[in-house]
Amino acid sequence: MRPLHLVSRALACLVVLFGGAVPALCGVHLWRVKEIFSNPGGTIQFVEIATCCGSTTEVFLSGQALSSNSHSFTFPANASGSTLNKHLLLATSAFTTLPGAPTPDYIIPDNFFSTTADTISFSVYDTLVFA
């Protein structure tokens, strides 16, 4: 009976040591809509999203959507490298022709969002409403 008792204790210790350790998985939940801009005609627009809270591993963008009431953009790939203080710029093609404008990370269609009132959402994690 004594050897069985030792085996039970050893199994219990193994479960605690290896079964109780669950890795923390990061994803995309710390990206926030930081800034939006539109000219009156909606041909020059941008949406800037950025990570908050000091995370370095918010890389799983692939398949996530940035959407307005009328359009949606699905990220085609994951982010690479550290996401600490990372910013992504999504802009219309007319934005790219502005002198001195930064190069967008992604192109969105003209009038991606309404110039009068809209809701901009990044996945299920952040929403910006303006009227």
Protein backbone atom coordinates (compact mmCIF):
# COMPACT_ATOMS: atom_id res chain seq x y z
CA MET A 1 0.00 0.00 0.00
CA ARG A 2 2.87 2.35 0.69
CA PRO A 3 4.27 2.31 -2.92
CA LEU A 4 0.80 3.13 -4.31
CA HIS A 5 0.59 6.12 -1.95
CA LEU A 6 3.97 7.41 -3.25
CA VAL A 7 2.86 6.98 -6.87
CA SER A 8 -0.32 8.96 -6.16
CA ARG A 9 1.69 11.79 -4.62
CA ALA A 10 4.12 11.80 -7.54
CA LEU A 11 1.25 11.99 -10.04
CA ALA A 12 -0.38 14.80 -8.08
CA CYS A 13 2.90 16.75 -8.11
CA LEU A 14 3.28 16.26 -11.87
CA VAL A 15 -0.26 17.50 -12.49
CA VAL A 16 0.38 20.61 -10.40
CA LEU A 17 3.75 21.30 -12.01
CA PHE A 18 2.86 20.70 -15.65
CA GLY A 19 -0.92 20.79 -15.85
CA GLY A 20 -1.34 23.99 -13.88
CA ALA A 21 0.98 26.07 -16.04
CA VAL A 22 -1.06 27.56 -18.88
CA PRO A 23 0.76 29.91 -21.24
CA ALA A 24 -0.59 33.44 -21.61
CA LEU A 25 -1.67 34.02 -25.19
CA CYS A 26 -1.68 37.51 -26.65
CA GLY A 27 -3.69 38.58 -29.61
CA VAL A 28 -5.17 41.84 -30.76
CA HIS A 29 -7.21 43.07 -27.83
CA LEU A 30 -4.94 46.05 -27.07
CA TRP A 31 -5.21 47.79 -30.47
CA ARG A 32 -7.21 51.04 -30.30
CA VAL A 33 -8.62 53.43 -32.91
CA LYS A 34 -6.44 56.44 -32.21
CA GLU A 35 -7.31 59.02 -34.87
CA ILE A 36 -9.46 59.46 -37.97
CA PHE A 37 -9.53 62.18 -40.63
CA SER A 38 -11.59 62.99 -43.70
CA ASN A 39 -11.79 65.81 -46.18
CA PRO A 40 -15.38 66.97 -46.91
CA GLY A 41 -15.68 64.75 -49.99
CA GLY A 42 -14.41 61.58 -48.30
CA THR A 43 -11.71 61.03 -50.93
CA ILE A 44 -8.87 61.74 -48.50
CA GLN A 45 -9.35 59.72 -45.34
CA PHE A 46 -7.25 57.88 -42.83
CA VAL A 47 -7.70 55.76 -39.74
CA GLU A 48 -4.81 55.28 -37.35
CA ILE A 49 -4.82 52.38 -34.91
CA ALA A 50 -2.21 51.87 -32.21
CA THR A 51 -1.40 49.49 -29.41
CA CYS A 52 -1.89 50.63 -25.88
CA CYS A 53 -0.76 49.45 -22.49
CA GLY A 54 2.86 48.50 -23.26
CA SER A 55 2.24 45.16 -24.95
CA THR A 56 4.89 43.79 -27.31
CA THR A 57 2.96 40.79 -28.65
CA GLU A 58 -0.33 42.04 -30.14
CA VAL A 59 0.55 40.52 -33.51
CA PHE A 60 -2.49 38.44 -34.47
CA LEU A 61 -4.15 40.89 -36.89
CA SER A 62 -4.79 38.39 -39.70
CA GLY A 63 -8.53 38.06 -40.29
CA GLN A 64 -9.45 40.91 -37.92
CA ALA A 65 -11.65 43.68 -39.34
CA LEU A 66 -11.69 47.45 -39.16
CA SER A 67 -15.17 48.55 -40.12
CA SER A 68 -17.45 51.53 -40.47
CA ASN A 69 -21.21 51.54 -40.96
CA SER A 70 -20.72 51.03 -44.70
CA HIS A 71 -17.30 49.40 -45.30
CA SER A 72 -15.00 46.81 -43.82
CA PHE A 73 -11.28 46.14 -44.18
CA THR A 74 -9.90 42.72 -43.20
CA PHE A 75 -6.23 42.59 -42.26
CA PRO A 76 -4.50 40.14 -44.63
CA ALA A 77 -1.60 39.16 -42.36
CA ASN A 78 -0.31 39.31 -38.82
CA ALA A 79 1.91 42.15 -37.62
CA SER A 80 5.61 41.38 -37.44
CA GLY A 81 8.06 42.21 -34.70
CA SER A 82 7.33 43.96 -31.45
CA THR A 83 4.04 45.83 -31.19
CA LEU A 84 5.24 48.09 -28.36
CA ASN A 85 3.98 51.60 -29.24
CA LYS A 86 3.16 50.38 -32.77
CA HIS A 87 0.91 52.44 -35.04
CA LEU A 88 -0.78 51.34 -38.26
CA LEU A 89 -2.10 53.77 -40.84
CA LEU A 90 -4.98 52.87 -43.14
CA ALA A 91 -5.66 55.53 -45.77
CA THR A 92 -7.28 56.18 -49.13
CA SER A 93 -5.18 56.24 -52.29
CA ALA A 94 -5.70 60.03 -52.61
CA PHE A 95 -4.05 60.40 -49.19
CA THR A 96 -0.86 58.90 -50.64
CA THR A 97 -0.59 61.76 -53.15
CA LEU A 98 -0.45 64.47 -50.48
CA PRO A 99 3.00 66.09 -50.27
CA GLY A 100 4.82 64.91 -47.15
CA ALA A 101 2.13 62.40 -46.16
CA PRO A 102 3.41 59.22 -44.52
CA THR A 103 3.07 56.00 -46.50
CA PRO A 104 0.00 54.07 -45.32
CA ASP A 105 0.37 50.50 -44.15
CA TYR A 106 -2.92 49.62 -45.88
CA ILE A 107 -5.17 51.24 -48.51
CA ILE A 108 -8.89 51.65 -47.80
CA PRO A 109 -11.56 52.74 -50.32
CA ASP A 110 -12.72 56.34 -50.67
CA ASN A 111 -15.58 57.20 -48.31
CA PHE A 112 -14.62 54.33 -46.02
CA PHE A 113 -16.52 56.17 -43.31
CA SER A 114 -19.17 58.88 -43.45
CA THR A 115 -18.00 62.47 -43.10
CA THR A 116 -21.00 63.41 -40.94
CA ALA A 117 -21.56 60.55 -38.47
CA ASP A 118 -20.32 56.98 -38.24
CA THR A 119 -19.06 54.19 -36.03
CA ILE A 120 -15.50 52.92 -36.56
CA SER A 121 -14.83 49.53 -34.98
CA PHE A 122 -11.69 47.46 -34.70
CA SER A 123 -12.76 43.84 -34.36
CA VAL A 124 -14.76 43.56 -31.12
CA TYR A 125 -12.14 45.35 -29.05
CA ASP A 126 -12.53 49.06 -29.74
CA THR A 127 -15.19 51.38 -31.15
CA LEU A 128 -15.11 55.08 -31.98
CA VAL A 129 -18.46 56.81 -32.53
CA PHE A 130 -18.74 60.33 -33.90
CA ALA A 131 -21.69 62.50 -34.92
